[in-house]
Amino acid sequence: MRLGVLDVGSNTVHLLVVDAHPGARPLPAHSHKTDLRLAQLLDEAGAITPDGVERLVATVREALAAAEDKGVEELLPFATSAVREAVNGDEVLARVHEETGVALRVISGEDEARLTFLAARRWYGWSAGRLLVLDIGGGSLEIAYGTDEEPDVCVSLPLGAGRLTAGRLPGDPPDAEDVRALRKDVRTQIARVVGEFSRFGAPDRVVATSKTFKQLARLAGAARSAEGLYVQRELKRKSLEEWVPRLAAMPAAERALLPGVSEGRAAQLPAGALVAEAAMDLFGVETLEICPWALREGVILRHLDHMPAQ
């Protein structure tokens, strides 16, 4: 069957269309992405603004039309931290449903971590052993660890690249004092949860998902996305440590000219790099691998697992 996953995230609204059936890997058929920046469309009280709601409705309607054009049989729509944490989130969900017919399911941070972990486990298989998965989104950082398909421990922290940029790094380039203060706070928050993971022992393999990690790996010399899913891509902590101060010293327009860095993500890359560096350092990770599958694939796989056998 042809499935569509509609992911309303803090940065983008992304429709992924795949051909899938139980027991087989999902085959990508179409991708439709809009850089909505929903996490930045908030008022001082933390509510999504009327303009933001209007833009979200229009974007969902556009994605729905794209899904219909591509022959999607079933749509799996969900929203993450931007809607989850908005003070008017319920009203926004009701408005989207009323005007488009799409009932967005809000996924908790812990479920984001679980589903992303499932996708990574399926990608690497049982031979990966004890798996540690890191994911930096626009609104949150997810960390999960385990030996099976369900992680033994997972956490979600409010350390997304978009959230931190908007709230903590307003300058372009950001002020050095702001960078130092953010670095300290990020490390404090991650350090609080490291003990929950370390009691399970060192991981056999560490992998990362998300656009932030992919861009950082590309800067550090990893293969271009055009070279395909099956090329192994790595990010070394030593390389990342060299890039963090360089990224923080550049204006966004200069960052956008770097290999693999999109214009839309350039502004938030320093914050994302600070989070990535802190996570790798505090978890004692020297090298991690970039996993092509993440939350959207996890949603698809979980859905297929629950489908009745034909």
Protein backbone atom coordinates (compact mmCIF):
# COMPACT_ATOMS: atom_id res chain seq x y z
CA MET A 1 0.00 0.00 0.00
CA ARG A 2 1.05 3.61 -0.42
CA LEU A 3 1.35 5.38 2.94
CA GLY A 4 1.90 9.03 3.69
CA VAL A 5 3.44 10.38 6.89
CA LEU A 6 2.71 14.02 7.62
CA ASP A 7 5.17 15.36 10.19
CA VAL A 8 4.34 18.79 11.64
CA GLY A 9 7.61 19.67 13.33
CA SER A 10 9.12 22.75 14.88
CA ASN A 11 11.02 23.60 11.69
CA THR A 12 9.24 21.94 8.80
CA VAL A 13 6.00 20.32 7.73
CA HIS A 14 7.15 17.23 5.87
CA LEU A 15 5.07 14.77 3.89
CA LEU A 16 6.88 11.51 3.17
CA VAL A 17 5.16 9.09 0.81
CA VAL A 18 6.31 5.46 0.82
CA ASP A 19 5.31 2.16 -0.72
CA ALA A 20 5.14 -0.32 2.11
CA HIS A 21 3.71 -3.56 3.41
CA PRO A 22 4.36 -5.59 6.57
CA GLY A 23 7.70 -7.37 6.57
CA ALA A 24 9.30 -5.17 3.91
CA ARG A 25 11.32 -1.98 4.13
CA PRO A 26 9.39 1.18 3.18
CA LEU A 27 10.41 2.47 -0.25
CA PRO A 28 10.37 6.29 -0.56
CA ALA A 29 8.14 7.47 -3.40
CA HIS A 30 7.75 11.22 -2.82
CA SER A 31 8.76 13.95 -0.40
CA HIS A 32 7.02 17.30 0.05
CA LYS A 33 8.55 19.74 2.54
CA THR A 34 7.66 23.25 3.70
CA ASP A 35 9.91 25.32 6.00
CA LEU A 36 7.15 26.72 8.21
CA ARG A 37 9.29 27.47 11.32
CA LEU A 38 6.28 26.93 13.57
CA ALA A 39 8.38 27.22 16.75
CA GLN A 40 9.19 30.79 15.77
CA LEU A 41 5.53 31.73 15.19
CA LEU A 42 4.73 32.10 18.89
CA ASP A 43 3.55 35.12 20.88
CA GLU A 44 5.00 36.13 24.24
CA ALA A 45 2.60 33.82 26.09
CA GLY A 46 3.79 30.80 24.13
CA ALA A 47 0.75 30.51 21.86
CA ILE A 48 0.97 29.96 18.12
CA THR A 49 -0.06 33.29 16.59
CA PRO A 50 -3.18 33.67 14.43
CA ASP A 51 -0.92 34.12 11.41
CA GLY A 52 0.97 30.98 12.39
CA VAL A 53 -2.27 29.00 12.62
CA GLU A 54 -3.39 30.28 9.21
CA ARG A 55 -0.06 29.29 7.68
CA LEU A 56 -0.18 25.87 9.31
CA VAL A 57 -3.68 25.22 7.98
CA ALA A 58 -2.63 26.28 4.49
CA THR A 59 0.50 24.11 4.66
CA VAL A 60 -1.42 21.04 5.83
CA ARG A 61 -3.98 21.59 3.08
CA GLU A 62 -1.17 21.79 0.52
CA ALA A 63 0.43 18.60 1.86
CA LEU A 64 -2.93 16.83 1.79
CA ALA A 65 -3.36 17.75 -1.87
CA ALA A 66 0.12 16.42 -2.61
CA ALA A 67 -0.73 13.16 -0.84
CA GLU A 68 -3.89 12.78 -2.92
CA ASP A 69 -1.96 13.52 -6.12
CA LYS A 70 0.49 10.74 -5.28
CA GLY A 71 -2.23 8.19 -4.60
CA VAL A 72 -1.73 7.89 -0.83
CA GLU A 73 -4.08 5.26 0.54
CA GLU A 74 -3.62 6.10 4.21
CA LEU A 75 -2.20 9.22 5.85
CA LEU A 76 -0.44 9.11 9.24
CA PRO A 77 -0.42 12.72 10.49
CA PHE A 78 1.37 13.77 13.67
CA ALA A 79 2.81 16.82 15.42
CA THR A 80 5.79 17.18 17.73
CA SER A 81 7.12 19.75 20.20
CA ALA A 82 5.97 23.02 18.61
CA VAL A 83 2.29 22.07 18.81
CA ARG A 84 2.76 19.88 21.89
CA GLU A 85 4.10 22.78 23.95
CA ALA A 86 2.04 25.65 22.54
CA VAL A 87 -0.41 26.95 25.14
CA ASN A 88 -3.14 26.93 22.49
CA GLY A 89 -2.13 23.56 21.05
CA ASP A 90 -5.58 21.99 21.47
CA GLU A 91 -7.24 24.89 19.69
CA VAL A 92 -4.71 24.68 16.86
CA LEU A 93 -5.35 20.94 16.44
CA ALA A 94 -9.11 21.54 16.37
CA ARG A 95 -8.73 24.31 13.77
CA VAL A 96 -6.55 22.14 11.51
CA HIS A 97 -9.05 19.27 11.78
CA GLU A 98 -12.04 21.52 11.13
CA GLU A 99 -10.55 23.18 8.05
CA THR A 100 -8.63 20.28 6.47
CA GLY A 101 -10.11 17.08 7.91
CA VAL A 102 -6.63 16.06 9.11
CA ALA A 103 -6.54 14.91 12.74
CA LEU A 104 -2.97 15.51 13.88
CA ARG A 105 -1.81 13.15 16.64
CA VAL A 106 0.51 14.83 19.11
CA ILE A 107 3.51 12.63 19.90
CA SER A 108 5.19 13.00 23.29
CA GLY A 109 8.93 13.57 23.51
CA GLU A 110 9.45 10.09 24.94
CA ASP A 111 7.48 8.54 22.08
CA GLU A 112 9.57 10.52 19.61
CA ALA A 113 12.64 8.92 21.16
CA ARG A 114 11.08 5.43 21.09
CA LEU A 115 9.97 5.65 17.47
CA THR A 116 13.29 7.08 16.31
CA PHE A 117 15.05 4.28 18.19
CA LEU A 118 12.83 1.71 16.46
CA ALA A 119 13.78 3.14 13.06
CA ALA A 120 17.49 3.04 13.89
CA ARG A 121 17.25 -0.51 15.22
CA ARG A 122 15.52 -1.71 12.06
CA TRP A 123 18.11 0.07 9.89
CA TYR A 124 21.15 -1.40 11.64
CA GLY A 125 19.66 -4.70 12.79
CA TRP A 126 20.39 -6.86 15.80
CA SER A 127 24.12 -6.97 15.02
CA ALA A 128 24.37 -3.37 16.25
CA GLY A 129 24.06 -4.68 19.82
CA ARG A 130 23.51 -2.05 22.48
CA LEU A 131 22.42 1.03 20.55
CA LEU A 132 22.55 4.68 21.64
CA VAL A 133 20.50 7.01 19.44
CA LEU A 134 20.70 10.83 19.46
CA ASP A 135 18.27 13.10 17.62
CA ILE A 136 18.30 16.92 17.59
CA GLY A 137 15.05 18.41 16.35
CA GLY A 138 13.85 21.97 16.14
CA GLY A 139 12.29 21.90 19.59
CA SER A 140 13.88 19.03 21.50
CA LEU A 141 16.74 16.59 21.88
CA GLU A 142 15.82 12.91 22.09
CA ILE A 143 18.16 10.27 23.50
CA ALA A 144 17.40 6.53 23.59
CA TYR A 145 19.39 3.41 24.48
CA GLY A 146 18.64 -0.30 24.36
CA THR A 147 19.32 -3.80 23.14
CA ASP A 148 15.88 -4.55 21.67
CA GLU A 149 13.40 -2.65 19.50
CA GLU A 150 11.95 -0.89 22.55
CA PRO A 151 14.63 1.20 24.30
CA ASP A 152 15.60 0.43 27.88
CA VAL A 153 15.70 4.15 28.63
CA CYS A 154 14.78 7.28 26.69
CA VAL A 155 14.51 10.98 27.45
CA SER A 156 13.42 14.15 25.70
CA LEU A 157 15.02 17.47 26.62
CA PRO A 158 13.99 20.99 25.51
CA LEU A 159 17.25 21.44 23.60
CA GLY A 160 16.11 21.74 19.99
CA ALA A 161 18.23 23.84 17.66
CA GLY A 162 15.38 26.13 16.65
CA ARG A 163 14.13 26.67 20.19
CA LEU A 164 17.61 27.51 21.53
CA THR A 165 18.41 29.85 18.65
CA ALA A 166 15.20 31.83 19.04
CA GLY A 167 15.38 32.01 22.82
CA ARG A 168 19.10 32.18 23.57
CA LEU A 169 21.12 33.24 20.51
CA PRO A 170 19.40 36.29 19.01
CA GLY A 171 22.49 37.85 17.41
CA ASP A 172 23.85 37.23 13.93
CA PRO A 173 26.48 36.09 14.61
CA PRO A 174 25.54 35.35 18.21
CA ASP A 175 27.24 37.20 21.02
CA ALA A 176 30.15 35.25 22.53
CA GLU A 177 28.73 35.61 26.06
CA ASP A 178 25.38 34.20 24.88
CA VAL A 179 27.18 31.26 23.33
CA ARG A 180 29.12 30.55 26.52
CA ALA A 181 25.99 30.78 28.68
CA LEU A 182 24.07 28.47 26.37
CA ARG A 183 26.93 25.98 26.27
CA LYS A 184 26.91 25.81 30.06
CA ASP A 185 23.12 25.34 30.29
CA VAL A 186 23.03 22.69 27.57
CA ARG A 187 25.73 20.67 29.29
CA THR A 188 24.00 20.99 32.66
CA GLN A 189 20.73 19.63 31.28
CA ILE A 190 22.34 16.72 29.45
CA ALA A 191 24.57 15.86 32.41
CA ARG A 192 21.48 15.41 34.60
CA VAL A 193 20.32 12.42 32.53
CA VAL A 194 23.63 10.72 31.68
CA GLY A 195 23.42 8.54 34.80
CA GLU A 196 20.10 7.06 33.63
CA PHE A 197 21.95 5.63 30.63
CA SER A 198 25.38 4.78 32.06
CA ARG A 199 23.97 2.18 34.46
CA PHE A 200 23.11 0.02 31.41
CA GLY A 201 26.72 -0.07 30.25
CA ALA A 202 28.58 1.38 27.28
CA PRO A 203 26.80 1.18 23.91
CA ASP A 204 28.18 -0.99 21.12
CA ARG A 205 27.12 1.53 18.49
CA VAL A 206 26.18 5.20 18.62
CA VAL A 207 24.05 6.68 15.86
CA ALA A 208 22.42 10.03 15.24
CA THR A 209 19.51 11.18 13.14
CA SER A 210 18.13 14.59 12.15
CA LYS A 211 19.08 17.34 9.74
CA THR A 212 21.37 18.97 12.30
CA PHE A 213 23.60 15.92 12.67
CA LYS A 214 23.58 15.31 8.91
CA GLN A 215 24.75 18.86 8.21
CA LEU A 216 27.45 18.69 10.87
CA ALA A 217 28.70 15.38 9.47
CA ARG A 218 28.78 16.87 5.96
CA LEU A 219 30.85 19.81 7.23
CA ALA A 220 33.25 17.32 8.78
CA GLY A 221 33.75 15.57 5.44
CA ALA A 222 30.94 13.01 5.20
CA ALA A 223 29.54 12.08 1.79
CA ARG A 224 26.89 14.25 0.13
CA SER A 225 23.26 13.14 0.35
CA ALA A 226 23.29 12.70 -3.44
CA GLU A 227 25.58 9.70 -3.00
CA GLY A 228 22.69 7.71 -1.55
CA LEU A 229 21.36 6.21 1.67
CA TYR A 230 23.79 3.33 1.89
CA VAL A 231 27.04 5.29 2.08
CA GLN A 232 28.32 5.22 5.64
CA ARG A 233 28.55 8.69 7.14
CA GLU A 234 30.31 9.49 10.40
CA LEU A 235 30.82 12.45 12.68
CA LYS A 236 33.91 12.58 14.88
CA ARG A 237 33.86 14.61 18.06
CA LYS A 238 37.28 16.06 17.33
CA SER A 239 36.05 17.49 14.01
CA LEU A 240 32.89 18.82 15.64
CA GLU A 241 34.88 20.58 18.37
CA GLU A 242 36.82 22.41 15.66
CA TRP A 243 33.65 23.52 13.89
CA VAL A 244 31.66 24.79 16.90
CA PRO A 245 33.59 28.07 17.43
CA ARG A 246 33.85 28.64 13.68
CA LEU A 247 30.09 28.32 13.20
CA ALA A 248 29.38 30.60 16.15
CA ALA A 249 31.65 33.31 14.72
CA MET A 250 29.98 33.32 11.27
CA PRO A 251 26.84 35.21 10.25
CA ALA A 252 24.01 32.99 8.99
CA ALA A 253 24.53 34.09 5.38
CA GLU A 254 28.12 32.83 5.50
CA ARG A 255 27.10 29.53 7.11
CA ALA A 256 24.58 28.98 4.31
CA LEU A 257 27.46 28.84 1.83
CA LEU A 258 29.09 25.89 3.61
CA PRO A 259 28.83 22.37 2.15
CA GLY A 260 25.53 20.71 3.03
CA VAL A 261 24.10 23.66 4.99
CA SER A 262 20.70 24.85 3.80
CA GLU A 263 19.78 28.51 3.95
CA GLY A 264 16.77 27.77 6.11
CA ARG A 265 18.83 25.90 8.74
CA ALA A 266 21.93 28.10 8.74
CA ALA A 267 20.76 30.36 11.56
CA GLN A 268 20.24 27.53 14.03
CA LEU A 269 23.32 25.47 13.24
CA PRO A 270 25.51 26.94 16.03
CA ALA A 271 22.94 25.98 18.67
CA GLY A 272 22.58 22.53 17.15
CA ALA A 273 26.36 22.12 17.10
CA LEU A 274 26.59 23.05 20.79
CA VAL A 275 24.01 20.39 21.65
CA ALA A 276 25.68 17.76 19.48
CA GLU A 277 29.11 18.48 20.95
CA ALA A 278 27.78 18.37 24.51
CA ALA A 279 25.95 15.08 23.96
CA MET A 280 28.96 13.40 22.38
CA ASP A 281 31.29 14.67 25.09
CA LEU A 282 29.11 13.84 28.10
CA PHE A 283 28.24 10.38 26.76
CA GLY A 284 31.91 9.73 25.92
CA VAL A 285 31.30 9.33 22.18
CA GLU A 286 34.31 9.79 19.93
CA THR A 287 32.59 8.81 16.65
CA LEU A 288 28.96 8.32 15.72
CA GLU A 289 27.21 7.15 12.55
CA ILE A 290 24.45 9.01 10.73
CA CYS A 291 21.29 6.91 10.40
CA PRO A 292 19.15 7.65 7.32
CA TRP A 293 15.96 6.59 9.10
CA ALA A 294 14.39 8.58 11.92
CA LEU A 295 11.01 9.50 13.40
CA ARG A 296 8.92 9.40 10.22
CA GLU A 297 10.20 5.93 9.35
CA GLY A 298 9.57 4.86 12.93
CA VAL A 299 5.94 5.95 12.65
CA ILE A 300 5.59 3.93 9.42
CA LEU A 301 7.24 0.83 10.89
CA ARG A 302 5.10 0.90 14.03
CA HIS A 303 1.97 1.26 11.90
CA LEU A 304 2.96 -1.67 9.69
CA ASP A 305 3.70 -3.79 12.77
CA HIS A 306 0.13 -3.33 13.94
CA MET A 307 -1.49 -4.13 10.62
CA PRO A 308 -3.21 -7.54 10.39
CA ALA A 309 -1.46 -10.18 8.26
CA GLN A 310 -2.83 -10.43 4.75
